[in-house]
Amino acid sequence: MEDKIVLSESFLDHLPITIGINEFGKFVVKYSSENIKLLNFAEKIGVIRLLEIDYYKFERTITKMVENFLSIRPSVSYVEEFPYEQIVVEALHSERDHWIELAFNWMEALGVYNFSDDILAIITNKRISQRIRHKIVKLGNK
């Protein structure tokens, strides 16, 4: 039996991702191409595509979802924190210049210091382009 999504919002026009909050106050994700299957963020999933969205716009939408959820489900006293940092870390570990570069804006918004180990790993990884490695050194020095 699947958890019931109480509130959700779709993101990205191409291959949409729906972020929802289930009846227990946990975030879940659903891909449009899948049947109504809920995936927990604890699993490794391809949500790094969310980095294509401006961080601040996305964060406002998630905050509003949480507020709306708590107003329609007052019996639930807590909604888990959205895993913004986990999405950035997944992108940084992808070893793909495109995703790493998209992660830069979210890293700045979340605080570059939260990713110091990841930055060091990128700087020393020769499979990542020199252009990206230099950009992340600059970002780390801010």
C-alpha atoms as a PDB file:
ATOM      1  CA  MET A   1       0.000   0.000   0.000  1.00  0.00           C
ATOM      2  CA  GLU A   2       1.372   3.412  -0.973  1.00  0.00           C
ATOM      3  CA  ASP A   3       1.434   6.522   1.162  1.00  0.00           C
ATOM      4  CA  LYS A   4      -1.175   9.062   0.193  1.00  0.00           C
ATOM      5  CA  ILE A   5       0.149  12.356  -1.141  1.00  0.00           C
ATOM      6  CA  VAL A   6      -1.699  15.147   0.618  1.00  0.00           C
ATOM      7  CA  LEU A   7      -0.181  18.084  -1.240  1.00  0.00           C
ATOM      8  CA  SER A   8       2.019  18.273  -4.327  1.00  0.00           C
ATOM      9  CA  GLU A   9       3.577  20.594  -6.863  1.00  0.00           C
ATOM     10  CA  SER A  10       4.986  19.778 -10.303  1.00  0.00           C
ATOM     11  CA  PHE A  11       8.303  21.141 -11.538  1.00  0.00           C
ATOM     12  CA  LEU A  12       9.935  21.230 -14.968  1.00  0.00           C
ATOM     13  CA  ASP A  13       7.872  21.097 -18.130  1.00  0.00           C
ATOM     14  CA  HIS A  14       9.932  18.418 -19.818  1.00  0.00           C
ATOM     15  CA  LEU A  15       9.697  15.101 -17.966  1.00  0.00           C
ATOM     16  CA  PRO A  16       7.983  16.687 -14.963  1.00  0.00           C
ATOM     17  CA  ILE A  17       8.923  15.849 -11.400  1.00  0.00           C
ATOM     18  CA  THR A  18       6.196  16.098  -8.790  1.00  0.00           C
ATOM     19  CA  ILE A  19       7.264  16.822  -5.230  1.00  0.00           C
ATOM     20  CA  GLY A  20       4.676  15.922  -2.648  1.00  0.00           C
ATOM     21  CA  ILE A  21       4.184  15.679   1.078  1.00  0.00           C
ATOM     22  CA  ASN A  22       2.605  12.449   2.243  1.00  0.00           C
ATOM     23  CA  GLU A  23       0.176  11.989   5.108  1.00  0.00           C
ATOM     24  CA  PHE A  24       3.091  11.470   7.516  1.00  0.00           C
ATOM     25  CA  GLY A  25       4.802  14.777   6.664  1.00  0.00           C
ATOM     26  CA  LYS A  26       7.545  13.247   4.520  1.00  0.00           C
ATOM     27  CA  PHE A  27       8.610  14.512   1.117  1.00  0.00           C
ATOM     28  CA  VAL A  28       8.123  12.133  -1.784  1.00  0.00           C
ATOM     29  CA  VAL A  29       8.772  12.419  -5.489  1.00  0.00           C
ATOM     30  CA  LYS A  30       6.916  11.082  -8.496  1.00  0.00           C
ATOM     31  CA  TYR A  31       8.031  11.094 -12.085  1.00  0.00           C
ATOM     32  CA  SER A  32       5.357  11.647 -14.711  1.00  0.00           C
ATOM     33  CA  SER A  33       6.539   8.648 -16.698  1.00  0.00           C
ATOM     34  CA  GLU A  34       5.938   6.278 -13.810  1.00  0.00           C
ATOM     35  CA  ASN A  35       2.693   4.955 -12.471  1.00  0.00           C
ATOM     36  CA  ILE A  36       1.755   6.486  -9.144  1.00  0.00           C
ATOM     37  CA  LYS A  37       4.885   5.248  -7.410  1.00  0.00           C
ATOM     38  CA  LEU A  38       6.278   7.235  -4.545  1.00  0.00           C
ATOM     39  CA  LEU A  39      10.017   7.350  -4.086  1.00  0.00           C
ATOM     40  CA  ASN A  40      11.579   8.406  -0.839  1.00  0.00           C
ATOM     41  CA  PHE A  41      14.402  10.956  -1.006  1.00  0.00           C
ATOM     42  CA  ALA A  42      16.525   8.573   1.048  1.00  0.00           C
ATOM     43  CA  GLU A  43      16.839   6.487  -2.117  1.00  0.00           C
ATOM     44  CA  LYS A  44      19.255   7.617  -4.819  1.00  0.00           C
ATOM     45  CA  ILE A  45      17.043   9.218  -7.455  1.00  0.00           C
ATOM     46  CA  GLY A  46      17.513  11.609 -10.343  1.00  0.00           C
ATOM     47  CA  VAL A  47      16.219  14.750  -8.710  1.00  0.00           C
ATOM     48  CA  ILE A  48      19.329  16.711  -9.654  1.00  0.00           C
ATOM     49  CA  ARG A  49      17.294  18.016 -12.584  1.00  0.00           C
ATOM     50  CA  LEU A  50      15.663  20.317 -10.011  1.00  0.00           C
ATOM     51  CA  LEU A  51      18.900  22.328 -10.102  1.00  0.00           C
ATOM     52  CA  GLU A  52      17.602  23.783 -13.374  1.00  0.00           C
ATOM     53  CA  ILE A  53      15.174  25.830 -11.246  1.00  0.00           C
ATOM     54  CA  ASP A  54      16.257  29.016  -9.514  1.00  0.00           C
ATOM     55  CA  TYR A  55      16.993  28.029  -5.906  1.00  0.00           C
ATOM     56  CA  TYR A  56      15.089  30.903  -4.304  1.00  0.00           C
ATOM     57  CA  LYS A  57      11.974  30.339  -6.400  1.00  0.00           C
ATOM     58  CA  PHE A  58      12.070  26.625  -5.644  1.00  0.00           C
ATOM     59  CA  GLU A  59      12.640  27.186  -1.914  1.00  0.00           C
ATOM     60  CA  ARG A  60       9.679  29.605  -1.733  1.00  0.00           C
ATOM     61  CA  THR A  61       7.459  27.003  -3.390  1.00  0.00           C
ATOM     62  CA  ILE A  62       8.556  24.279  -0.965  1.00  0.00           C
ATOM     63  CA  THR A  63       8.071  26.598   2.027  1.00  0.00           C
ATOM     64  CA  LYS A  64       4.552  27.460   0.839  1.00  0.00           C
ATOM     65  CA  MET A  65       3.784  23.745   0.381  1.00  0.00           C
ATOM     66  CA  VAL A  66       4.857  23.039   3.967  1.00  0.00           C
ATOM     67  CA  GLU A  67       2.755  25.934   5.291  1.00  0.00           C
ATOM     68  CA  ASN A  68      -0.294  24.759   3.319  1.00  0.00           C
ATOM     69  CA  PHE A  69       0.210  21.161   4.432  1.00  0.00           C
ATOM     70  CA  LEU A  70       0.360  22.144   8.100  1.00  0.00           C
ATOM     71  CA  SER A  71      -2.789  24.229   7.734  1.00  0.00           C
ATOM     72  CA  ILE A  72      -4.811  21.347   6.232  1.00  0.00           C
ATOM     73  CA  ARG A  73      -3.227  18.675   8.446  1.00  0.00           C
ATOM     74  CA  PRO A  74      -2.977  20.300  11.902  1.00  0.00           C
ATOM     75  CA  SER A  75      -2.656  16.858  13.512  1.00  0.00           C
ATOM     76  CA  VAL A  76       0.780  16.489  11.894  1.00  0.00           C
ATOM     77  CA  SER A  77       3.128  18.618  13.952  1.00  0.00           C
ATOM     78  CA  TYR A  78       6.253  18.226  11.843  1.00  0.00           C
ATOM     79  CA  VAL A  79       7.203  18.092   8.170  1.00  0.00           C
ATOM     80  CA  GLU A  80      10.660  16.741   7.463  1.00  0.00           C
ATOM     81  CA  GLU A  81      13.184  19.217   6.127  1.00  0.00           C
ATOM     82  CA  PHE A  82      13.507  19.269   2.365  1.00  0.00           C
ATOM     83  CA  PRO A  83      16.875  17.765   1.289  1.00  0.00           C
ATOM     84  CA  TYR A  84      18.235  20.716  -0.720  1.00  0.00           C
ATOM     85  CA  GLU A  85      21.829  19.868   0.192  1.00  0.00           C
ATOM     86  CA  GLN A  86      21.397  16.222  -0.796  1.00  0.00           C
ATOM     87  CA  ILE A  87      20.383  17.286  -4.307  1.00  0.00           C
ATOM     88  CA  VAL A  88      23.510  19.436  -4.610  1.00  0.00           C
ATOM     89  CA  VAL A  89      25.730  16.619  -3.322  1.00  0.00           C
ATOM     90  CA  GLU A  90      24.225  14.183  -5.850  1.00  0.00           C
ATOM     91  CA  ALA A  91      25.040  16.662  -8.630  1.00  0.00           C
ATOM     92  CA  LEU A  92      28.585  17.196  -7.365  1.00  0.00           C
ATOM     93  CA  HIS A  93      29.175  13.442  -7.257  1.00  0.00           C
ATOM     94  CA  SER A  94      27.792  12.946 -10.760  1.00  0.00           C
ATOM     95  CA  GLU A  95      31.157  13.923 -12.287  1.00  0.00           C
ATOM     96  CA  ARG A  96      29.213  15.690 -15.040  1.00  0.00           C
ATOM     97  CA  ASP A  97      30.233  19.284 -15.736  1.00  0.00           C
ATOM     98  CA  HIS A  98      26.650  20.273 -16.560  1.00  0.00           C
ATOM     99  CA  TRP A  99      25.195  19.187 -13.197  1.00  0.00           C
ATOM    100  CA  ILE A 100      28.150  20.454 -11.191  1.00  0.00           C
ATOM    101  CA  GLU A 101      27.854  23.865 -12.806  1.00  0.00           C
ATOM    102  CA  LEU A 102      24.093  23.984 -12.149  1.00  0.00           C
ATOM    103  CA  ALA A 103      24.797  23.148  -8.502  1.00  0.00           C
ATOM    104  CA  PHE A 104      26.919  26.301  -8.060  1.00  0.00           C
ATOM    105  CA  ASN A 105      23.916  28.635  -7.582  1.00  0.00           C
ATOM    106  CA  TRP A 106      22.300  26.345  -5.029  1.00  0.00           C
ATOM    107  CA  MET A 107      25.653  25.985  -3.238  1.00  0.00           C
ATOM    108  CA  GLU A 108      25.949  29.755  -2.899  1.00  0.00           C
ATOM    109  CA  ALA A 109      22.401  30.009  -1.561  1.00  0.00           C
ATOM    110  CA  LEU A 110      22.887  27.165   0.927  1.00  0.00           C
ATOM    111  CA  GLY A 111      26.363  28.238   2.009  1.00  0.00           C
ATOM    112  CA  VAL A 112      29.453  27.008   0.215  1.00  0.00           C
ATOM    113  CA  TYR A 113      30.986  25.957   3.567  1.00  0.00           C
ATOM    114  CA  ASN A 114      28.412  23.120   3.725  1.00  0.00           C
ATOM    115  CA  PHE A 115      30.130  21.503   0.756  1.00  0.00           C
ATOM    116  CA  SER A 116      33.833  21.888   1.585  1.00  0.00           C
ATOM    117  CA  ASP A 117      34.590  18.143   1.362  1.00  0.00           C
ATOM    118  CA  ASP A 118      32.735  17.915  -1.937  1.00  0.00           C
ATOM    119  CA  ILE A 119      34.590  20.938  -3.306  1.00  0.00           C
ATOM    120  CA  LEU A 120      37.925  19.372  -2.406  1.00  0.00           C
ATOM    121  CA  ALA A 121      36.919  16.124  -4.138  1.00  0.00           C
ATOM    122  CA  ILE A 122      36.024  18.036  -7.323  1.00  0.00           C
ATOM    123  CA  ILE A 123      39.214  20.082  -7.319  1.00  0.00           C
ATOM    124  CA  THR A 124      41.313  16.903  -7.258  1.00  0.00           C
ATOM    125  CA  ASN A 125      39.177  14.917  -9.725  1.00  0.00           C
ATOM    126  CA  LYS A 126      40.864  14.976 -13.156  1.00  0.00           C
ATOM    127  CA  ARG A 127      37.742  13.539 -14.828  1.00  0.00           C
ATOM    128  CA  ILE A 128      36.045  16.891 -14.287  1.00  0.00           C
ATOM    129  CA  SER A 129      37.043  19.627 -16.724  1.00  0.00           C
ATOM    130  CA  GLN A 130      39.665  22.125 -15.685  1.00  0.00           C
ATOM    131  CA  ARG A 131      37.199  24.951 -16.391  1.00  0.00           C
ATOM    132  CA  ILE A 132      34.755  23.574 -13.782  1.00  0.00           C
ATOM    133  CA  ARG A 133      37.534  22.831 -11.286  1.00  0.00           C
ATOM    134  CA  HIS A 134      38.753  26.436 -11.559  1.00  0.00           C
ATOM    135  CA  LYS A 135      35.206  27.768 -11.172  1.00  0.00           C
ATOM    136  CA  ILE A 136      34.662  25.737  -8.022  1.00  0.00           C
ATOM    137  CA  VAL A 137      37.968  26.961  -6.560  1.00  0.00           C
ATOM    138  CA  LYS A 138      36.716  30.542  -7.070  1.00  0.00           C
ATOM    139  CA  LEU A 139      33.376  29.630  -5.518  1.00  0.00           C
ATOM    140  CA  GLY A 140      35.109  28.057  -2.527  1.00  0.00           C
ATOM    141  CA  ASN A 141      37.189  31.178  -2.012  1.00  0.00           C
ATOM    142  CA  LYS A 142      34.137  33.454  -1.718  1.00  0.00           C
END
